[in-house]
Every structure is written in structure tokens, then in C-alpha cells.
Amino acid sequence: MQEEYKGKSIFSRRYVGMNEEAIREEIDRLQGQVYALEKALDLLKEDDKNFIDAISDNQAKMERLIKEIDKKITKLQSSLDYDAPIKNQLDIASKDIGAKLKAANKESLDTLIRVLQFNTVILILLLCVVIYKFVIG
């Protein structure tokens, strides 16, 4: 024989001695609770689906990121010359970067000098016009 359930009863009152209308109201109340529980479960199921989708998307992104990092590390390892000391490789790399920076600085300095020369010519012309206006005008 099964044991009797000793937890909290879902029924608010006993049905013995209740009239038919009270029993119908109790059934309506219980159906409302069941409907609310079903709705809550559906919402939880939808949230779980969204979380699962987000997790799978993030997992795919992480896998792509790991593959890209692996490719970059492999490329870096293949570009290193293991016969030459690392200090020499760093010196060569810093010299290359220094040469590129000097070239970029020279180019920007040349542009700046051209702009200054142009501005100087314009300033001289403006002074000539002002002097001409005062002397002749």
C-alpha cells in the first residue's frame, strides 16, 4: 500500500460537504493555476532556448578565434629564424621599423615645408597688397 502524500496540499479546502458551485469555483481556480504554470514553463523554455542559442553562437565564435590565434602563432613561429639569435632578429626588426618611421617622418616633414612655403608666399603677397594700398591708395 502506498504512503499518503504528506506535503502541502494544492487544494485550499476539502471537497466533502462543498456544494456544486463551490467545487466548480475550486476547479476553475485550479485550472487557472495550471494555466499559469504552463505559461511560466513555456517562458522558461523559450529563455532556455535563447540561452542555448547564445551559448552555441559564442562557442562557434570562440572556436573561430582559437583557430585564428593558432594560425597567427604558426605564422609567427614559421617567420622566426631559429638559427639566428633572437637579439639579432629584434635588431633587424627594430631597424626596419626605424627606417619606415624615418621615411614617414621625412615625407610628413617635406609636406609641412611645402605648406609653410606656400603660406609664406601668400603672406608676402598679402603684405605687398597692403603696402601697395597704403602707398598708392
C-alpha atoms as a PDB file:
ATOM      1  CA  MET A   1       0.000   0.000   0.000  1.00  0.00           C
ATOM      2  CA  GLN A   2       1.348   3.450  -0.957  1.00  0.00           C
ATOM      3  CA  GLU A   3       2.053   6.052   1.645  1.00  0.00           C
ATOM      4  CA  GLU A   4      -0.191   9.058   1.827  1.00  0.00           C
ATOM      5  CA  TYR A   5       1.255  12.351   0.487  1.00  0.00           C
ATOM      6  CA  LYS A   6       2.269  14.496   3.438  1.00  0.00           C
ATOM      7  CA  GLY A   7       3.333  17.673   1.546  1.00  0.00           C
ATOM      8  CA  LYS A   8       1.393  20.897   1.168  1.00  0.00           C
ATOM      9  CA  SER A   9      -1.989  20.262  -0.367  1.00  0.00           C
ATOM     10  CA  ILE A  10      -2.791  22.021  -3.633  1.00  0.00           C
ATOM     11  CA  PHE A  11      -6.398  22.194  -2.572  1.00  0.00           C
ATOM     12  CA  SER A  12      -7.417  25.113  -0.427  1.00  0.00           C
ATOM     13  CA  ARG A  13     -10.242  23.201   1.177  1.00  0.00           C
ATOM     14  CA  ARG A  14     -11.739  19.752   1.300  1.00  0.00           C
ATOM     15  CA  TYR A  15     -14.420  18.869  -1.182  1.00  0.00           C
ATOM     16  CA  VAL A  16     -16.503  16.908   1.281  1.00  0.00           C
ATOM     17  CA  GLY A  17     -19.512  18.916   2.237  1.00  0.00           C
ATOM     18  CA  MET A  18     -18.995  21.547  -0.531  1.00  0.00           C
ATOM     19  CA  ASN A  19     -21.868  22.426  -2.797  1.00  0.00           C
ATOM     20  CA  GLU A  20     -21.573  22.013  -6.551  1.00  0.00           C
ATOM     21  CA  GLU A  21     -20.931  25.719  -7.260  1.00  0.00           C
ATOM     22  CA  ALA A  22     -18.059  25.868  -4.747  1.00  0.00           C
ATOM     23  CA  ILE A  23     -16.499  22.771  -6.320  1.00  0.00           C
ATOM     24  CA  ARG A  24     -16.742  24.389  -9.778  1.00  0.00           C
ATOM     25  CA  GLU A  25     -15.071  27.553  -8.454  1.00  0.00           C
ATOM     26  CA  GLU A  26     -12.291  25.435  -6.959  1.00  0.00           C
ATOM     27  CA  ILE A  27     -11.846  23.621 -10.281  1.00  0.00           C
ATOM     28  CA  ASP A  28     -11.687  26.979 -12.113  1.00  0.00           C
ATOM     29  CA  ARG A  29      -9.097  28.214  -9.621  1.00  0.00           C
ATOM     30  CA  LEU A  30      -7.007  25.070 -10.069  1.00  0.00           C
ATOM     31  CA  GLN A  31      -7.282  25.302 -13.878  1.00  0.00           C
ATOM     32  CA  GLY A  32      -6.087  28.915 -13.662  1.00  0.00           C
ATOM     33  CA  GLN A  33      -3.073  27.817 -11.621  1.00  0.00           C
ATOM     34  CA  VAL A  34      -2.314  25.041 -14.094  1.00  0.00           C
ATOM     35  CA  TYR A  35      -2.555  27.528 -16.978  1.00  0.00           C
ATOM     36  CA  ALA A  36      -0.244  29.981 -15.177  1.00  0.00           C
ATOM     37  CA  LEU A  37       2.268  27.177 -14.535  1.00  0.00           C
ATOM     38  CA  GLU A  38       2.145  26.089 -18.189  1.00  0.00           C
ATOM     39  CA  LYS A  39       2.709  29.684 -19.282  1.00  0.00           C
ATOM     40  CA  ALA A  40       5.653  30.059 -16.902  1.00  0.00           C
ATOM     41  CA  LEU A  41       7.146  26.795 -18.192  1.00  0.00           C
ATOM     42  CA  ASP A  42       6.778  27.977 -21.790  1.00  0.00           C
ATOM     43  CA  LEU A  43       8.555  31.235 -20.949  1.00  0.00           C
ATOM     44  CA  LEU A  44      11.352  29.344 -19.191  1.00  0.00           C
ATOM     45  CA  LYS A  45      11.650  27.003 -22.158  1.00  0.00           C
ATOM     46  CA  GLU A  46      11.940  29.992 -24.518  1.00  0.00           C
ATOM     47  CA  ASP A  47      14.566  31.626 -22.287  1.00  0.00           C
ATOM     48  CA  ASP A  48      16.485  28.368 -22.125  1.00  0.00           C
ATOM     49  CA  LYS A  49      16.384  28.140 -25.924  1.00  0.00           C
ATOM     50  CA  ASN A  50      17.709  31.697 -26.191  1.00  0.00           C
ATOM     51  CA  PHE A  51      20.493  30.917 -23.718  1.00  0.00           C
ATOM     52  CA  ILE A  52      21.381  27.708 -25.543  1.00  0.00           C
ATOM     53  CA  ASP A  53      21.469  29.573 -28.874  1.00  0.00           C
ATOM     54  CA  ALA A  54      23.654  32.314 -27.379  1.00  0.00           C
ATOM     55  CA  ILE A  55      25.998  29.728 -25.862  1.00  0.00           C
ATOM     56  CA  SER A  56      26.333  27.850 -29.157  1.00  0.00           C
ATOM     57  CA  ASP A  57      26.965  31.128 -31.045  1.00  0.00           C
ATOM     58  CA  ASN A  58      29.631  32.139 -28.531  1.00  0.00           C
ATOM     59  CA  GLN A  59      31.179  28.694 -28.715  1.00  0.00           C
ATOM     60  CA  ALA A  60      31.410  28.973 -32.518  1.00  0.00           C
ATOM     61  CA  LYS A  61      32.979  32.444 -32.182  1.00  0.00           C
ATOM     62  CA  MET A  62      35.493  31.123 -29.653  1.00  0.00           C
ATOM     63  CA  GLU A  63      36.402  28.233 -31.967  1.00  0.00           C
ATOM     64  CA  ARG A  64      36.999  30.670 -34.856  1.00  0.00           C
ATOM     65  CA  LEU A  65      39.057  32.909 -32.569  1.00  0.00           C
ATOM     66  CA  ILE A  66      41.163  29.985 -31.386  1.00  0.00           C
ATOM     67  CA  LYS A  67      41.760  28.914 -34.989  1.00  0.00           C
ATOM     68  CA  GLU A  68      42.813  32.451 -35.942  1.00  0.00           C
ATOM     69  CA  ILE A  69      45.150  32.677 -32.961  1.00  0.00           C
ATOM     70  CA  ASP A  70      46.613  29.291 -33.838  1.00  0.00           C
ATOM     71  CA  LYS A  71      47.215  30.452 -37.424  1.00  0.00           C
ATOM     72  CA  LYS A  72      48.915  33.636 -36.201  1.00  0.00           C
ATOM     73  CA  ILE A  73      51.135  31.719 -33.788  1.00  0.00           C
ATOM     74  CA  THR A  74      52.026  29.241 -36.519  1.00  0.00           C
ATOM     75  CA  LYS A  75      52.850  32.117 -38.873  1.00  0.00           C
ATOM     76  CA  LEU A  76      54.977  33.765 -36.192  1.00  0.00           C
ATOM     77  CA  GLN A  77      56.819  30.524 -35.491  1.00  0.00           C
ATOM     78  CA  SER A  78      57.478  29.960 -39.163  1.00  0.00           C
ATOM     79  CA  SER A  79      58.747  33.533 -39.592  1.00  0.00           C
ATOM     80  CA  LEU A  80      61.267  33.188 -36.769  1.00  0.00           C
ATOM     81  CA  ASP A  81      64.714  32.149 -37.828  1.00  0.00           C
ATOM     82  CA  TYR A  82      65.838  29.677 -35.197  1.00  0.00           C
ATOM     83  CA  ASP A  83      69.435  29.686 -36.422  1.00  0.00           C
ATOM     84  CA  ALA A  84      69.947  33.381 -35.634  1.00  0.00           C
ATOM     85  CA  PRO A  85      69.763  34.659 -32.081  1.00  0.00           C
ATOM     86  CA  ILE A  86      66.573  36.438 -31.110  1.00  0.00           C
ATOM     87  CA  LYS A  87      68.518  39.610 -30.304  1.00  0.00           C
ATOM     88  CA  ASN A  88      69.701  39.821 -33.904  1.00  0.00           C
ATOM     89  CA  GLN A  89      66.166  39.297 -35.154  1.00  0.00           C
ATOM     90  CA  LEU A  90      64.892  42.030 -32.839  1.00  0.00           C
ATOM     91  CA  ASP A  91      67.666  44.372 -34.011  1.00  0.00           C
ATOM     92  CA  ILE A  92      66.759  43.749 -37.636  1.00  0.00           C
ATOM     93  CA  ALA A  93      63.058  44.288 -36.914  1.00  0.00           C
ATOM     94  CA  SER A  94      63.717  47.494 -34.954  1.00  0.00           C
ATOM     95  CA  LYS A  95      65.979  48.799 -37.748  1.00  0.00           C
ATOM     96  CA  ASP A  96      63.241  48.099 -40.295  1.00  0.00           C
ATOM     97  CA  ILE A  97      60.662  49.858 -38.157  1.00  0.00           C
ATOM     98  CA  GLY A  98      63.066  52.761 -37.553  1.00  0.00           C
ATOM     99  CA  ALA A  99      63.725  53.126 -41.275  1.00  0.00           C
ATOM    100  CA  LYS A 100      59.998  53.109 -42.025  1.00  0.00           C
ATOM    101  CA  LEU A 101      59.379  55.730 -39.319  1.00  0.00           C
ATOM    102  CA  LYS A 102      62.189  57.931 -40.653  1.00  0.00           C
ATOM    103  CA  ALA A 103      60.762  57.691 -44.163  1.00  0.00           C
ATOM    104  CA  ALA A 104      57.294  58.583 -42.871  1.00  0.00           C
ATOM    105  CA  ASN A 105      58.722  61.499 -40.848  1.00  0.00           C
ATOM    106  CA  LYS A 106      60.697  62.759 -43.852  1.00  0.00           C
ATOM    107  CA  GLU A 107      57.600  62.596 -46.033  1.00  0.00           C
ATOM    108  CA  SER A 108      55.466  64.448 -43.488  1.00  0.00           C
ATOM    109  CA  LEU A 109      58.248  66.993 -42.908  1.00  0.00           C
ATOM    110  CA  ASP A 110      58.516  67.614 -46.667  1.00  0.00           C
ATOM    111  CA  THR A 111      54.756  68.176 -46.816  1.00  0.00           C
ATOM    112  CA  LEU A 112      54.935  70.565 -43.869  1.00  0.00           C
ATOM    113  CA  ILE A 113      57.768  72.535 -45.516  1.00  0.00           C
ATOM    114  CA  ARG A 114      55.758  72.848 -48.753  1.00  0.00           C
ATOM    115  CA  VAL A 115      52.735  74.132 -46.817  1.00  0.00           C
ATOM    116  CA  LEU A 116      54.912  76.640 -44.934  1.00  0.00           C
ATOM    117  CA  GLN A 117      56.496  77.842 -48.181  1.00  0.00           C
ATOM    118  CA  PHE A 118      53.061  78.290 -49.735  1.00  0.00           C
ATOM    119  CA  ASN A 119      51.831  80.193 -46.665  1.00  0.00           C
ATOM    120  CA  THR A 120      54.947  82.408 -46.742  1.00  0.00           C
ATOM    121  CA  VAL A 121      54.359  83.271 -50.401  1.00  0.00           C
ATOM    122  CA  ILE A 122      50.735  84.116 -49.652  1.00  0.00           C
ATOM    123  CA  LEU A 123      51.803  86.260 -46.667  1.00  0.00           C
ATOM    124  CA  ILE A 124      54.357  88.158 -48.784  1.00  0.00           C
ATOM    125  CA  LEU A 125      51.739  88.769 -51.483  1.00  0.00           C
ATOM    126  CA  LEU A 126      49.286  89.986 -48.845  1.00  0.00           C
ATOM    127  CA  LEU A 127      51.896  92.368 -47.413  1.00  0.00           C
ATOM    128  CA  CYS A 128      52.612  93.663 -50.904  1.00  0.00           C
ATOM    129  CA  VAL A 129      48.922  94.309 -51.470  1.00  0.00           C
ATOM    130  CA  VAL A 130      48.591  96.102 -48.105  1.00  0.00           C
ATOM    131  CA  ILE A 131      51.691  98.258 -48.770  1.00  0.00           C
ATOM    132  CA  TYR A 132      50.502  98.988 -52.288  1.00  0.00           C
ATOM    133  CA  LYS A 133      47.095 100.036 -50.914  1.00  0.00           C
ATOM    134  CA  PHE A 134      48.658 102.427 -48.376  1.00  0.00           C
ATOM    135  CA  VAL A 135      51.254 103.881 -50.722  1.00  0.00           C
ATOM    136  CA  ILE A 136      49.057 104.267 -53.804  1.00  0.00           C
ATOM    137  CA  GLY A 137      45.589 104.207 -52.298  1.00  0.00           C
END
